[in-house]
Amino acid sequence: MPIEGIVRRRVDLAPGRFAMIDNSREFALVPWRPVLARAIGRAVSGHMRKDGGISWTIGRGRGPEGLNGSDHMRQIISRALNKFNKRSICVSY
């Protein structure tokens, strides 16, 4: 399953660090990688490899326009983080 959107920020949780990828309709929390630190605010595309890793493409195309901190998004993120304790989650809004 491809992951596309804008890297919004790093999220530190008990299970580890994650990157929030937002595509304006939903967001995904994916395992943090140092390459994503240089991509905050930029469009990325990630594809699962057969070995379980993710190959990232950074800055190709304009990328989706997304919400960047609205109260609605904060509420959704808070609920998702409280409800789920997984390596990655995806929430639609």
N, C-alpha and C. Protein backbone atom coordinates (compact mmCIF):
# COMPACT_ATOMS: atom_id res chain seq x y z
N MET A 1 0.84 -1.18 0.00
CA MET A 1 0.00 0.00 0.00
C MET A 1 0.89 1.24 0.00
N PRO A 2 0.76 2.10 -1.00
CA PRO A 2 1.58 3.31 -1.02
C PRO A 2 1.11 4.33 0.02
N ILE A 3 2.05 5.10 0.52
CA ILE A 3 1.77 6.17 1.46
C ILE A 3 2.22 7.45 0.78
N GLU A 4 1.28 8.38 0.59
CA GLU A 4 1.62 9.65 -0.06
C GLU A 4 1.06 10.80 0.75
N GLY A 5 1.79 11.88 0.81
CA GLY A 5 1.32 13.06 1.52
C GLY A 5 2.48 13.96 1.89
N ILE A 6 2.22 14.83 2.85
CA ILE A 6 3.21 15.78 3.32
C ILE A 6 3.66 15.37 4.72
N VAL A 7 4.96 15.34 4.92
CA VAL A 7 5.49 15.03 6.25
C VAL A 7 5.21 16.24 7.13
N ARG A 8 4.36 16.06 8.13
CA ARG A 8 3.97 17.19 8.99
C ARG A 8 4.89 17.35 10.20
N ARG A 9 5.21 16.23 10.87
CA ARG A 9 6.05 16.35 12.05
C ARG A 9 6.45 14.99 12.57
N ARG A 10 7.38 14.99 13.53
CA ARG A 10 7.76 13.77 14.23
C ARG A 10 6.89 13.65 15.47
N VAL A 11 6.47 12.43 15.78
CA VAL A 11 5.64 12.16 16.96
C VAL A 11 6.40 11.15 17.81
N ASP A 12 6.67 11.52 19.08
CA ASP A 12 7.35 10.62 20.01
C ASP A 12 6.31 9.95 20.90
N LEU A 13 6.21 8.63 20.81
CA LEU A 13 5.26 7.85 21.60
C LEU A 13 6.02 6.79 22.39
N ALA A 14 5.34 6.13 23.32
CA ALA A 14 5.99 5.09 24.12
C ALA A 14 6.63 4.00 23.26
N PRO A 15 5.96 3.53 22.17
CA PRO A 15 6.59 2.48 21.37
C PRO A 15 7.75 2.96 20.48
N GLY A 16 7.92 4.28 20.35
CA GLY A 16 9.01 4.78 19.52
C GLY A 16 8.65 6.08 18.82
N ARG A 17 9.47 6.47 17.86
CA ARG A 17 9.26 7.70 17.08
C ARG A 17 8.56 7.37 15.78
N PHE A 18 7.67 8.30 15.38
CA PHE A 18 6.90 8.13 14.16
C PHE A 18 6.89 9.44 13.39
N ALA A 19 6.65 9.34 12.09
CA ALA A 19 6.44 10.52 11.26
C ALA A 19 4.96 10.57 10.91
N MET A 20 4.38 11.78 10.95
CA MET A 20 3.00 11.96 10.55
C MET A 20 2.98 12.39 9.09
N ILE A 21 2.36 11.57 8.25
CA ILE A 21 2.22 11.85 6.82
C ILE A 21 0.75 12.19 6.58
N ASP A 22 0.46 13.40 6.08
CA ASP A 22 -0.90 13.91 5.92
C ASP A 22 -1.20 14.10 4.44
N ASN A 23 -2.35 13.58 3.99
CA ASN A 23 -2.72 13.80 2.58
C ASN A 23 -4.03 14.56 2.44
N SER A 24 -4.43 15.31 3.43
CA SER A 24 -5.60 16.18 3.51
C SER A 24 -6.90 15.45 3.80
N ARG A 25 -6.98 14.16 3.59
CA ARG A 25 -8.17 13.39 3.95
C ARG A 25 -7.90 12.42 5.08
N GLU A 26 -6.65 12.03 5.22
CA GLU A 26 -6.27 11.09 6.27
C GLU A 26 -4.80 11.29 6.58
N PHE A 27 -4.35 10.70 7.66
CA PHE A 27 -2.93 10.75 7.95
C PHE A 27 -2.48 9.37 8.37
N ALA A 28 -1.19 9.14 8.26
CA ALA A 28 -0.59 7.87 8.67
C ALA A 28 0.59 8.18 9.58
N LEU A 29 0.77 7.33 10.58
CA LEU A 29 1.97 7.37 11.40
C LEU A 29 2.83 6.22 10.96
N VAL A 30 4.04 6.53 10.52
CA VAL A 30 4.96 5.50 10.03
C VAL A 30 6.24 5.57 10.86
N PRO A 31 6.96 4.47 10.97
CA PRO A 31 8.21 4.50 11.73
C PRO A 31 9.14 5.62 11.25
N TRP A 32 9.71 6.34 12.19
CA TRP A 32 10.59 7.47 11.91
C TRP A 32 11.89 7.00 11.30
N ARG A 33 12.36 7.71 10.31
CA ARG A 33 13.67 7.51 9.70
C ARG A 33 14.33 8.87 9.57
N PRO A 34 15.65 8.95 9.75
CA PRO A 34 16.34 10.24 9.66
C PRO A 34 16.09 10.99 8.35
N VAL A 35 15.91 10.28 7.25
CA VAL A 35 15.67 10.94 5.96
C VAL A 35 14.40 11.77 6.01
N LEU A 36 13.44 11.39 6.86
CA LEU A 36 12.18 12.13 6.94
C LEU A 36 12.35 13.47 7.67
N ALA A 37 13.39 13.63 8.47
CA ALA A 37 13.64 14.90 9.15
C ALA A 37 13.89 16.01 8.13
N ARG A 38 14.57 15.68 7.05
CA ARG A 38 14.86 16.67 6.01
C ARG A 38 13.65 16.93 5.13
N ALA A 39 12.60 16.11 5.28
CA ALA A 39 11.42 16.22 4.42
C ALA A 39 10.22 16.88 5.11
N ILE A 40 10.37 17.34 6.35
CA ILE A 40 9.23 17.95 7.04
C ILE A 40 8.73 19.14 6.22
N GLY A 41 7.41 19.14 5.95
CA GLY A 41 6.80 20.18 5.14
C GLY A 41 6.82 19.89 3.65
N ARG A 42 7.42 18.79 3.24
CA ARG A 42 7.54 18.44 1.82
C ARG A 42 6.71 17.21 1.50
N ALA A 43 6.34 17.08 0.24
CA ALA A 43 5.60 15.92 -0.23
C ALA A 43 6.53 14.70 -0.29
N VAL A 44 6.00 13.56 0.12
CA VAL A 44 6.74 12.30 0.05
C VAL A 44 5.82 11.21 -0.47
N SER A 45 6.44 10.16 -0.95
CA SER A 45 5.72 8.97 -1.37
C SER A 45 6.52 7.77 -0.88
N GLY A 46 5.84 6.85 -0.21
CA GLY A 46 6.52 5.68 0.32
C GLY A 46 5.88 4.40 -0.18
N HIS A 47 6.69 3.42 -0.51
CA HIS A 47 6.21 2.13 -1.00
C HIS A 47 6.85 1.02 -0.17
N MET A 48 6.02 0.08 0.27
CA MET A 48 6.50 -1.05 1.05
C MET A 48 7.38 -1.95 0.18
N ARG A 49 8.53 -2.32 0.74
CA ARG A 49 9.42 -3.26 0.07
C ARG A 49 9.08 -4.67 0.54
N LYS A 50 9.58 -5.65 -0.18
CA LYS A 50 9.33 -7.05 0.18
C LYS A 50 9.94 -7.42 1.53
N ASP A 51 11.02 -6.72 1.92
CA ASP A 51 11.66 -7.02 3.20
C ASP A 51 10.97 -6.33 4.38
N GLY A 52 9.85 -5.61 4.11
CA GLY A 52 9.10 -4.96 5.18
C GLY A 52 9.45 -3.50 5.39
N GLY A 53 10.51 -3.02 4.76
CA GLY A 53 10.90 -1.62 4.89
C GLY A 53 10.07 -0.74 3.96
N ILE A 54 10.30 0.56 4.04
CA ILE A 54 9.61 1.51 3.18
C ILE A 54 10.65 2.28 2.38
N SER A 55 10.48 2.34 1.06
CA SER A 55 11.33 3.16 0.20
C SER A 55 10.65 4.51 0.02
N TRP A 56 11.36 5.59 0.36
CA TRP A 56 10.78 6.93 0.32
C TRP A 56 11.26 7.70 -0.89
N THR A 57 10.34 8.42 -1.55
CA THR A 57 10.66 9.39 -2.59
C THR A 57 10.24 10.74 -2.04
N ILE A 58 11.15 11.70 -2.03
CA ILE A 58 10.90 12.98 -1.40
C ILE A 58 10.87 14.09 -2.44
N GLY A 59 9.81 14.94 -2.35
CA GLY A 59 9.74 16.16 -3.14
C GLY A 59 9.37 15.99 -4.59
N ARG A 60 8.80 14.89 -4.98
CA ARG A 60 8.37 14.73 -6.37
C ARG A 60 6.96 15.28 -6.53
N GLY A 61 6.75 16.17 -7.48
CA GLY A 61 5.43 16.75 -7.70
C GLY A 61 5.09 17.75 -6.61
N ARG A 62 3.90 18.30 -6.69
CA ARG A 62 3.48 19.30 -5.72
C ARG A 62 2.99 18.68 -4.44
N GLY A 63 2.42 17.48 -4.51
CA GLY A 63 1.88 16.84 -3.31
C GLY A 63 0.53 17.42 -2.95
N PRO A 64 -0.18 16.73 -2.06
CA PRO A 64 -1.51 17.19 -1.68
C PRO A 64 -1.44 18.38 -0.73
N GLU A 65 -2.47 19.19 -0.77
CA GLU A 65 -2.59 20.28 0.20
C GLU A 65 -3.29 19.72 1.41
N GLY A 66 -2.78 19.93 2.59
CA GLY A 66 -3.37 19.33 3.77
C GLY A 66 -3.61 20.31 4.89
N LEU A 67 -4.29 19.83 5.89
CA LEU A 67 -4.50 20.61 7.10
C LEU A 67 -3.21 20.58 7.90
N ASN A 68 -2.86 21.67 8.52
CA ASN A 68 -1.60 21.70 9.24
C ASN A 68 -1.76 22.21 10.66
N GLY A 69 -2.65 21.61 11.41
CA GLY A 69 -2.75 22.00 12.80
C GLY A 69 -4.11 22.50 13.22
N SER A 70 -5.13 22.27 12.42
CA SER A 70 -6.46 22.72 12.82
C SER A 70 -6.91 21.96 14.07
N ASP A 71 -7.85 22.55 14.79
CA ASP A 71 -8.37 21.90 16.00
C ASP A 71 -8.98 20.55 15.67
N HIS A 72 -9.67 20.46 14.54
CA HIS A 72 -10.29 19.19 14.15
C HIS A 72 -9.23 18.10 13.98
N MET A 73 -8.14 18.43 13.30
CA MET A 73 -7.10 17.44 13.09
C MET A 73 -6.44 17.05 14.41
N ARG A 74 -6.22 18.00 15.28
CA ARG A 74 -5.63 17.70 16.59
C ARG A 74 -6.50 16.73 17.38
N GLN A 75 -7.82 16.92 17.33
CA GLN A 75 -8.73 16.03 18.03
C GLN A 75 -8.64 14.62 17.46
N ILE A 76 -8.61 14.50 16.16
CA ILE A 76 -8.54 13.19 15.51
C ILE A 76 -7.23 12.49 15.88
N ILE A 77 -6.14 13.22 15.84
CA ILE A 77 -4.83 12.65 16.18
C ILE A 77 -4.83 12.18 17.62
N SER A 78 -5.35 13.01 18.52
CA SER A 78 -5.37 12.65 19.93
C SER A 78 -6.18 11.38 20.16
N ARG A 79 -7.35 11.29 19.55
CA ARG A 79 -8.17 10.08 19.70
C ARG A 79 -7.47 8.86 19.14
N ALA A 80 -6.86 9.01 17.97
CA ALA A 80 -6.19 7.87 17.34
C ALA A 80 -5.02 7.38 18.19
N LEU A 81 -4.24 8.30 18.71
CA LEU A 81 -3.08 7.91 19.50
C LEU A 81 -3.50 7.27 20.82
N ASN A 82 -4.60 7.72 21.38
CA ASN A 82 -5.09 7.13 22.63
C ASN A 82 -5.71 5.76 22.40
N LYS A 83 -6.31 5.55 21.24
CA LYS A 83 -7.02 4.30 20.97
C LYS A 83 -6.10 3.18 20.48
N PHE A 84 -5.11 3.55 19.68
CA PHE A 84 -4.26 2.55 19.04
C PHE A 84 -2.84 2.58 19.59
N ASN A 85 -2.23 1.41 19.65
CA ASN A 85 -0.83 1.30 20.04
C ASN A 85 -0.18 0.34 19.05
N LYS A 86 -0.06 0.82 17.80
CA LYS A 86 0.48 -0.01 16.72
C LYS A 86 1.74 0.65 16.18
N ARG A 87 2.44 -0.08 15.33
CA ARG A 87 3.63 0.48 14.69
C ARG A 87 3.26 1.58 13.71
N SER A 88 2.11 1.45 13.05
CA SER A 88 1.64 2.53 12.17
C SER A 88 0.11 2.49 12.16
N ILE A 89 -0.48 3.66 12.04
CA ILE A 89 -1.94 3.74 11.97
C ILE A 89 -2.32 4.69 10.86
N CYS A 90 -3.53 4.57 10.40
CA CYS A 90 -4.06 5.45 9.38
C CYS A 90 -5.47 5.84 9.81
N VAL A 91 -5.76 7.14 9.82
CA VAL A 91 -7.05 7.63 10.27
C VAL A 91 -7.63 8.53 9.19
N SER A 92 -8.88 8.28 8.79
CA SER A 92 -9.56 9.13 7.81
C SER A 92 -10.37 10.19 8.54
N TYR A 93 -10.44 11.38 7.95
CA TYR A 93 -11.28 12.43 8.51
C TYR A 93 -11.90 13.24 7.41
